[in-house]
Every structure is written in structure tokens, then in C-alpha cells.
Amino acid sequence: MLIENNVRKTPAAPHSSPSVQKAVIFGDAVYSPTTFAKILGIAKQELLEKEAEGVFPPAKRNSKRERYYKPEDVVKYRGYLGMPSPIRSTRKQLFLNFKGGTGKSSLSASYGFRLAQTGFRTLLIDLDAQGHLTQCLGLDNQQFSKTLFNALIEKEDIEKVIVKTDLPTLDIIPSNLNLSPMELSLFSMNSREFRLKRLLSSVEKNYELIIMDASPSIGLLNLNAILASNDLVIPVLADFLSYHGLKILFETLSTIEEDFSFVFENIFIFLNRYNESHRICKRSKKALETHYGKYLLSTVVRQDTKIAEATSQGTPIFLFAQSSKGATDIQSLIDEILGPKGADHVV
């Protein structure tokens, strides 16, 4: 269900104070009837008919008397339709690859944004001190005085660290250089490997999905993230170095399994920036099918300059180019992860 180019957005005003825990991502965008119907998974005609029948309340109207809908309407209208969430319990999903440059942060930002945009209560957590996930949502990470460090190390109430956004279903724990001392601080703490899992247990009931974006390394914070997650999501590029990084990641996971008796419920691998016209891409895909076929998704995110442009402007692809190949592929990724391969948690 791809949003068409019917979402209008203008630049948001900057925050007046670093202490303001409200982030503007969506801006003043609104949905047309066509777009809103697609988000709900129904036809535009059905939307209008249900409004005429009184199943839905009368739509909002602009100065030209044109119908429009706002982000907060998604959850309300799903309720009117009696549409239950397909997710039985909170899913904690970690985007991780030990090789940098795989597009992990931009993908996880658009992935999480899209989930929230379609009505799922979503928390995004930036686990990298460089704050790339935060920036990919168009947020100035330096304006936030609190990061996961304050909750995990200084034991501040996590609710005070979570930042609400103007998309009612989307919250974020941002990151910046204030997160840098995390590894050293965790080292001397008791039960240091499970602190994030315990922390998230206090708020996970508020969300259907918690999406974490990790730095391309193994350390105590990433180990915490692994042990706190249900699903591992691994974007890889179709090249030798990505394949080698994947091998190291699985070797590390094997060690973690032995040391902590921990196994992910789901592991999802998918190709990013895929160009079928390149021989190396086809060879890499074949190698992944041979050695990691159990985990490999059929969805590939094709090479698309629109994703790079959206990232450079700090905008989720679904606000920047809703009809692009990249947006289509990320939607397919969501559908597949929450579909048959994730059958254990989907109704």
C-alpha cells in the first residue's frame, strides 16, 4: 500500500529550546482521500461510502472544500473498521551489520517511520553516538540533551528520554555524542549485558514495535541490543566485503548463543542497493541464497537515487518520494517481515 504523491509537506520551524521533547518530522503534511484509503488498505470508493453511511465521521475540509486526513486519523479509522493489530505482542527489531555503509540507518528510519505512518505504535532507538538514525528523520541530534545514556547509566526515567514526534504513533530515543561514554560506563556495572532488556520492559507495553539501529561493531551496547531483541534485520550490499561482514556477524552470534543461551526468534537478511544489471550483484545474491537461504528475504531494495537524496535531506523516503522504487521496496520489506516469514507473531 504505497502512498502516492498526495502528501504535502513544508519545512518545519526549528525548535525554540533544546529542552523541548517534541520532534517535528511529518510537518504540516496531510493525506488526500486516495492516499488515506491506501494506508487503511481499502478503496477510495469504500472510504467515501463509509463516510456517507456514517461509519466514518465527516472528513476534514480545506478552504477549497477538499477532503483531507491527518496522521492521527489512521489509528481512529482502523478502530472504526474494527481492524486489530496483526502483531500479537511487542516486537523488538534490531538493524545490525558489522560492515558500515550498508544503508542501515536510512533504511531503519524509513522502515520505522512507515510502520508508524500506517498506524503501528512505534519506538525508534538510535544506538549510535553518531546519531545517523536521528539525522535520517530530519532531526538535529545536537538539540537533544538526553540519550539512552541517561536512562541506561544514570537511571533516569526512560519516559523522560523518549521524544514524542508530530506523528502520534512514532516516538524516538535520539542519539548524539553524549552516548559516547556508554561502553566504558557499562563495563563496571552488574548484569551489564541485560540492562537494555530490563529498561525496555518498562515501556514495551506502550508499543507494537521497537526498532533499534546499531553501530557497525560489537560492544557491550550492541550486545545489550541483541539480547533485548526478538528479530535481527541485516541489510547487506551485493559485494565481497558485505558478505565477509555477514560471516563475522554469524560467528559472533554463535558465540553469544553459547555464552547466553540466546537465539533470535527471527533473522531477516535482505539485499540493499541492488542492481540486477550488475554481474557482481547476481553472484552475491546467488551466494547468499546458497549459504544463508534460510534467512534471506525475497525482497530486495533496488538501487535508487531517491533514497540517497532523501537521506541527504533528512527525510524518510515516504515523505520525499512516495512513488519511488525505494519506497515500494521498503513497503515490500515490511510486508514480508510482518508476513509469512514472521508467521509466529502475525495473526
Protein backbone atom coordinates (compact mmCIF):
# COMPACT_ATOMS: atom_id res chain seq x y z
CA MET A 1 0.00 0.00 0.00
CA LEU A 2 2.17 2.76 -1.34
CA ILE A 3 1.40 6.37 -0.65
CA GLU A 4 1.08 8.38 -3.84
CA ASN A 5 2.46 11.88 -4.25
CA ASN A 6 -0.53 13.30 -2.41
CA VAL A 7 1.29 14.09 0.83
CA ARG A 8 2.08 17.77 1.12
CA LYS A 9 4.83 18.97 3.43
CA THR A 10 6.57 22.25 4.12
CA PRO A 11 9.73 22.76 6.22
CA ALA A 12 9.04 22.79 9.92
CA ALA A 13 10.09 25.62 12.18
CA PRO A 14 13.13 24.95 14.36
CA HIS A 15 12.65 24.09 18.00
CA SER A 16 12.74 27.04 20.34
CA SER A 17 14.68 25.23 23.03
CA PRO A 18 16.92 22.13 23.31
CA SER A 19 14.79 21.00 26.25
CA VAL A 20 11.62 20.68 24.18
CA GLN A 21 10.82 16.98 23.96
CA LYS A 22 8.75 17.23 20.79
CA ALA A 23 10.22 16.49 17.36
CA VAL A 24 8.80 17.62 14.04
CA ILE A 25 9.11 15.01 11.30
CA PHE A 26 5.79 14.98 9.49
CA GLY A 27 5.34 18.77 9.48
CA ASP A 28 2.06 20.07 8.08
CA ALA A 29 1.55 17.16 5.69
CA VAL A 30 -1.96 15.85 5.15
CA TYR A 31 -3.40 12.88 3.25
CA SER A 32 -5.72 13.02 0.28
CA PRO A 33 -8.64 10.52 0.22
CA THR A 34 -6.75 8.33 -2.27
CA THR A 35 -3.64 8.21 -0.12
CA PHE A 36 -5.55 7.74 3.13
CA ALA A 37 -7.59 4.87 1.70
CA LYS A 38 -4.39 3.11 0.63
CA ILE A 39 -2.96 3.46 4.13
CA LEU A 40 -6.11 1.82 5.51
CA GLY A 41 -5.94 -0.88 2.86
CA ILE A 42 -9.32 -0.07 1.35
CA ALA A 43 -10.51 1.51 -1.91
CA LYS A 44 -11.17 5.24 -2.08
CA GLN A 45 -14.79 4.50 -3.01
CA GLU A 46 -15.23 2.41 0.14
CA LEU A 47 -13.80 5.25 2.21
CA LEU A 48 -16.31 7.70 0.76
CA GLU A 49 -19.20 5.25 1.07
CA LYS A 50 -18.48 4.55 4.74
CA GLU A 51 -18.32 8.28 5.36
CA ALA A 52 -21.72 8.72 3.68
CA GLU A 53 -23.14 5.83 5.74
CA GLY A 54 -21.89 7.34 8.99
CA VAL A 55 -19.39 4.54 9.71
CA PHE A 56 -16.67 7.20 9.44
CA PRO A 57 -17.09 10.78 10.66
CA PRO A 58 -17.21 13.55 8.05
CA ALA A 59 -13.76 14.24 6.62
CA LYS A 60 -11.94 17.46 7.35
CA ARG A 61 -12.14 20.07 4.59
CA ASN A 62 -9.67 22.71 3.44
CA SER A 63 -10.51 26.18 2.14
CA LYS A 64 -11.33 24.67 -1.27
CA ARG A 65 -13.72 22.18 0.38
CA GLU A 66 -11.39 19.29 -0.49
CA ARG A 67 -11.30 16.32 1.86
CA TYR A 68 -8.10 15.67 3.80
CA TYR A 69 -6.94 13.47 6.66
CA LYS A 70 -4.22 13.78 9.28
CA PRO A 71 -1.78 11.19 10.72
CA GLU A 72 -3.75 10.77 13.93
CA ASP A 73 -6.79 9.72 11.87
CA VAL A 74 -5.12 6.44 10.85
CA VAL A 75 -5.49 4.77 14.25
CA LYS A 76 -9.01 6.18 14.73
CA TYR A 77 -10.24 4.89 11.38
CA ARG A 78 -8.68 1.48 11.93
CA GLY A 79 -10.75 1.38 15.09
CA TYR A 80 -13.91 2.32 13.18
CA LEU A 81 -13.17 -0.58 10.81
CA GLY A 82 -12.55 -2.97 13.71
CA MET A 83 -9.12 -3.78 12.35
CA PRO A 84 -6.99 -5.44 15.08
CA SER A 85 -3.24 -5.13 15.04
CA PRO A 86 -1.60 -8.07 13.22
CA ILE A 87 1.11 -8.06 15.90
CA ARG A 88 0.24 -10.12 18.95
CA SER A 89 2.96 -8.77 21.23
CA THR A 90 5.66 -6.13 21.08
CA ARG A 91 8.36 -6.93 18.52
CA LYS A 92 11.84 -5.59 19.24
CA GLN A 93 13.78 -5.48 16.00
CA LEU A 94 17.49 -4.70 15.68
CA PHE A 95 19.06 -3.40 12.47
CA LEU A 96 22.69 -4.53 12.57
CA ASN A 97 25.62 -5.29 10.27
CA PHE A 98 29.28 -5.30 11.25
CA LYS A 99 30.14 -3.67 7.95
CA GLY A 100 29.42 0.05 7.72
CA GLY A 101 27.94 1.77 4.69
CA THR A 102 25.14 -0.72 4.05
CA GLY A 103 22.42 1.95 4.32
CA LYS A 104 21.26 0.57 7.65
CA SER A 105 20.34 3.89 9.29
CA SER A 106 18.42 5.36 6.36
CA LEU A 107 16.55 2.08 5.89
CA SER A 108 15.66 1.67 9.57
CA ALA A 109 14.49 5.31 9.71
CA SER A 110 12.15 4.93 6.72
CA TYR A 111 11.10 1.44 7.86
CA GLY A 112 10.13 2.67 11.33
CA PHE A 113 8.53 5.84 10.01
CA ARG A 114 6.40 3.83 7.57
CA LEU A 115 5.23 1.47 10.31
CA ALA A 116 4.14 4.45 12.41
CA GLN A 117 2.59 6.14 9.39
CA THR A 118 0.37 3.13 8.79
CA GLY A 119 -0.88 3.05 12.36
CA PHE A 120 1.59 0.91 14.33
CA ARG A 121 2.72 2.33 17.67
CA THR A 122 6.47 2.51 17.07
CA LEU A 123 9.54 3.45 19.10
CA LEU A 124 12.80 4.12 17.24
CA ILE A 125 16.04 3.90 19.25
CA ASP A 126 19.31 5.33 17.95
CA LEU A 127 22.18 3.26 19.41
CA ASP A 128 24.99 5.01 17.53
CA ALA A 129 26.74 8.07 19.02
CA GLN A 130 26.99 9.49 15.50
CA GLY A 131 23.21 9.83 15.54
CA HIS A 132 22.62 8.80 11.94
CA LEU A 133 19.14 7.39 12.57
CA THR A 134 18.16 10.63 14.29
CA GLN A 135 19.50 12.67 11.38
CA CYS A 136 17.76 10.50 8.79
CA LEU A 137 14.47 11.59 10.34
CA GLY A 138 15.42 15.21 9.75
CA LEU A 139 16.22 15.92 13.39
CA ASP A 140 19.19 17.91 14.63
CA ASN A 141 20.62 15.40 17.08
CA GLN A 142 22.56 18.07 18.98
CA GLN A 143 19.35 19.73 20.16
CA PHE A 144 18.51 16.78 22.40
CA SER A 145 20.00 16.90 25.88
CA LYS A 146 19.18 13.28 26.70
CA THR A 147 20.10 9.99 25.04
CA LEU A 148 19.87 6.34 26.04
CA PHE A 149 22.91 7.00 28.26
CA ASN A 150 20.75 8.97 30.70
CA ALA A 151 18.30 6.11 31.15
CA LEU A 152 20.69 3.17 30.96
CA ILE A 153 23.61 4.52 33.00
CA GLU A 154 22.26 7.44 35.01
CA LYS A 155 19.00 5.55 35.70
CA GLU A 156 16.80 8.44 34.65
CA ASP A 157 13.16 7.58 33.93
CA ILE A 158 13.12 6.36 30.31
CA GLU A 159 9.86 8.24 29.74
CA LYS A 160 11.85 11.47 30.15
CA VAL A 161 14.33 10.35 27.50
CA ILE A 162 11.75 9.29 24.91
CA VAL A 163 10.93 12.10 22.49
CA LYS A 164 7.41 12.38 21.10
CA THR A 165 7.04 13.35 17.45
CA ASP A 166 4.30 15.05 15.49
CA LEU A 167 3.37 11.64 14.13
CA PRO A 168 1.25 10.40 17.07
CA THR A 169 2.29 6.78 16.61
CA LEU A 170 6.04 7.50 16.46
CA ASP A 171 8.42 8.11 19.37
CA ILE A 172 12.20 8.19 19.28
CA ILE A 173 15.14 7.94 21.65
CA PRO A 174 17.66 10.14 19.80
CA SER A 175 21.43 9.92 19.93
CA ASN A 176 24.43 12.21 19.78
CA LEU A 177 27.96 12.30 21.18
CA ASN A 178 26.53 12.22 24.71
CA LEU A 179 26.10 8.48 24.10
CA SER A 180 29.87 8.02 23.62
CA PRO A 181 30.76 7.05 27.23
CA MET A 182 28.23 4.20 27.16
CA GLU A 183 30.66 1.32 26.57
CA LEU A 184 33.05 2.35 29.34
CA SER A 185 30.21 3.04 31.77
CA LEU A 186 28.54 -0.32 31.14
CA PHE A 187 31.75 -2.24 31.71
CA SER A 188 31.74 -1.90 35.52
CA MET A 189 28.00 -2.44 36.04
CA ASN A 190 26.28 -5.55 37.37
CA SER A 191 24.28 -7.60 34.84
CA ARG A 192 25.72 -5.24 32.26
CA GLU A 193 24.61 -7.34 29.28
CA PHE A 194 20.89 -7.24 30.16
CA ARG A 195 20.38 -3.65 31.25
CA LEU A 196 18.71 -2.57 28.00
CA LYS A 197 16.35 -5.54 28.07
CA ARG A 198 15.22 -4.64 31.59
CA LEU A 199 14.92 -0.96 30.70
CA LEU A 200 12.70 -1.63 27.67
CA SER A 201 10.47 -3.97 29.66
CA SER A 202 9.08 -0.92 31.47
CA VAL A 203 7.79 0.74 28.28
CA GLU A 204 7.36 -2.00 25.69
CA LYS A 205 3.66 -2.34 26.53
CA ASN A 206 3.20 1.12 25.00
CA TYR A 207 4.39 -0.01 21.56
CA GLU A 208 3.78 -2.63 18.93
CA LEU A 209 7.27 -2.34 17.50
CA ILE A 210 10.57 -1.13 18.93
CA ILE A 211 13.14 -0.57 16.16
CA MET A 212 16.82 -0.19 17.10
CA ASP A 213 19.60 1.00 14.81
CA ALA A 214 23.06 -0.16 15.96
CA SER A 215 26.56 0.94 15.05
CA PRO A 216 28.58 -1.47 12.84
CA SER A 217 30.53 -3.02 15.70
CA ILE A 218 30.31 -5.46 18.55
CA GLY A 219 30.49 -3.99 22.02
CA LEU A 220 28.53 -4.00 25.24
CA LEU A 221 25.78 -1.72 23.93
CA ASN A 222 25.21 -3.81 20.81
CA LEU A 223 25.35 -6.96 22.93
CA ASN A 224 22.63 -5.41 25.11
CA ALA A 225 20.60 -4.68 21.98
CA ILE A 226 20.98 -8.22 20.69
CA LEU A 227 19.88 -9.76 24.00
CA ALA A 228 16.91 -7.34 24.16
CA SER A 229 15.61 -8.12 20.66
CA ASN A 230 13.29 -10.65 19.07
CA ASP A 231 14.29 -10.06 15.46
CA LEU A 232 17.58 -9.30 13.74
CA VAL A 233 17.33 -7.36 10.47
CA ILE A 234 20.51 -7.38 8.36
CA PRO A 235 20.86 -5.22 5.24
CA VAL A 236 23.77 -6.30 3.03
CA LEU A 237 25.27 -4.92 -0.14
CA ALA A 238 25.98 -7.17 -3.09
CA ASP A 239 29.76 -7.16 -2.66
CA PHE A 240 32.51 -9.29 -1.14
CA LEU A 241 33.10 -7.11 1.95
CA SER A 242 29.42 -7.24 2.97
CA TYR A 243 29.43 -11.00 2.58
CA HIS A 244 32.55 -11.23 4.77
CA GLY A 245 30.94 -8.96 7.39
CA LEU A 246 27.92 -11.26 7.42
CA LYS A 247 30.18 -14.25 8.12
CA ILE A 248 31.76 -12.47 11.10
CA LEU A 249 28.33 -11.47 12.41
CA PHE A 250 27.06 -15.06 12.38
CA GLU A 251 30.24 -16.28 14.08
CA THR A 252 29.66 -13.69 16.80
CA LEU A 253 26.02 -14.73 17.16
CA SER A 254 27.15 -18.32 17.60
CA THR A 255 29.37 -17.28 20.50
CA ILE A 256 26.54 -15.27 22.06
CA GLU A 257 24.25 -18.29 21.75
CA GLU A 258 26.76 -20.42 23.66
CA ASP A 259 27.51 -17.81 26.32
CA PHE A 260 23.98 -16.58 26.99
CA SER A 261 21.72 -19.39 25.68
CA PHE A 262 20.15 -16.77 23.42
CA VAL A 263 18.71 -17.29 19.95
CA PHE A 264 16.86 -14.73 17.84
CA GLU A 265 13.29 -15.69 17.07
CA ASN A 266 13.76 -14.38 13.53
CA ILE A 267 16.74 -13.34 11.41
CA PHE A 268 15.99 -11.43 8.22
CA ILE A 269 18.69 -10.77 5.60
CA PHE A 270 17.99 -8.65 2.54
CA LEU A 271 19.99 -7.04 -0.25
CA ASN A 272 20.17 -3.25 -0.37
CA ARG A 273 21.12 -1.03 -3.34
CA TYR A 274 20.63 -3.99 -5.62
CA ASN A 275 21.19 -3.57 -9.37
CA GLU A 276 20.25 -6.65 -11.34
CA SER A 277 22.18 -5.44 -14.38
CA HIS A 278 25.47 -5.83 -12.47
CA ARG A 279 27.05 -9.28 -12.59
CA ILE A 280 28.53 -8.90 -9.09
CA CYS A 281 25.01 -8.33 -7.70
CA LYS A 282 23.71 -11.54 -9.24
CA ARG A 283 26.73 -13.51 -7.99
CA SER A 284 26.35 -12.10 -4.47
CA LYS A 285 22.65 -12.90 -4.42
CA LYS A 286 23.38 -16.45 -5.51
CA ALA A 287 25.99 -16.83 -2.74
CA LEU A 288 23.50 -15.56 -0.14
CA GLU A 289 20.85 -17.96 -1.41
CA THR A 290 23.34 -20.83 -1.13
CA HIS A 291 24.75 -20.09 2.33
CA TYR A 292 22.02 -18.03 4.05
CA GLY A 293 18.88 -19.08 2.20
CA LYS A 294 17.12 -19.86 5.47
CA TYR A 295 17.24 -16.19 6.44
CA LEU A 296 17.23 -14.42 3.07
CA LEU A 297 14.12 -12.43 2.19
CA SER A 298 12.84 -12.43 -1.36
CA THR A 299 12.51 -8.64 -1.18
CA VAL A 300 15.48 -6.64 -2.44
CA VAL A 301 15.79 -2.88 -2.06
CA ARG A 302 16.81 -1.74 -5.50
CA GLN A 303 19.41 0.91 -6.18
CA ASP A 304 17.55 4.20 -6.16
CA THR A 305 19.00 7.71 -6.10
CA LYS A 306 15.80 8.91 -4.41
CA ILE A 307 16.79 7.12 -1.20
CA ALA A 308 20.19 8.84 -1.22
CA GLU A 309 18.54 12.21 -1.88
CA ALA A 310 16.01 11.65 0.92
CA THR A 311 18.82 10.71 3.31
CA SER A 312 20.83 13.82 2.40
CA GLN A 313 17.78 15.96 3.17
CA GLY A 314 16.98 14.12 6.40
CA THR A 315 13.58 12.92 5.18
CA PRO A 316 12.01 9.44 5.24
CA ILE A 317 11.57 8.19 1.67
CA PHE A 318 7.79 8.04 2.20
CA LEU A 319 7.70 11.81 2.60
CA PHE A 320 10.32 12.57 -0.05
CA ALA A 321 9.35 10.30 -2.96
CA GLN A 322 6.36 8.15 -2.11
CA SER A 323 6.14 6.55 -5.57
CA SER A 324 9.84 5.73 -5.90
CA LYS A 325 11.36 2.28 -6.26
CA GLY A 326 12.92 2.66 -2.83
CA ALA A 327 9.59 3.38 -1.14
CA THR A 328 7.96 0.47 -2.96
CA ASP A 329 10.74 -1.90 -1.89
CA ILE A 330 10.76 -0.81 1.76
CA GLN A 331 7.00 -1.34 1.87
CA SER A 332 7.54 -4.83 0.43
CA LEU A 333 10.19 -5.41 3.09
CA ILE A 334 7.68 -4.53 5.82
CA ASP A 335 5.03 -6.74 4.26
CA GLU A 336 7.41 -9.69 4.10
CA ILE A 337 8.82 -9.28 7.60
CA LEU A 338 5.34 -8.98 9.11
CA GLY A 339 4.04 -11.69 6.78
CA PRO A 340 4.85 -15.39 6.28
CA LYS A 341 8.48 -15.24 7.48
CA GLY A 342 7.27 -13.67 10.70
CA ALA A 343 4.30 -16.01 10.98
CA ASP A 344 4.92 -16.68 14.67
CA HIS A 345 3.83 -13.19 15.60
CA VAL A 346 1.33 -12.36 12.88
CA VAL A 347 -2.36 -13.21 13.17
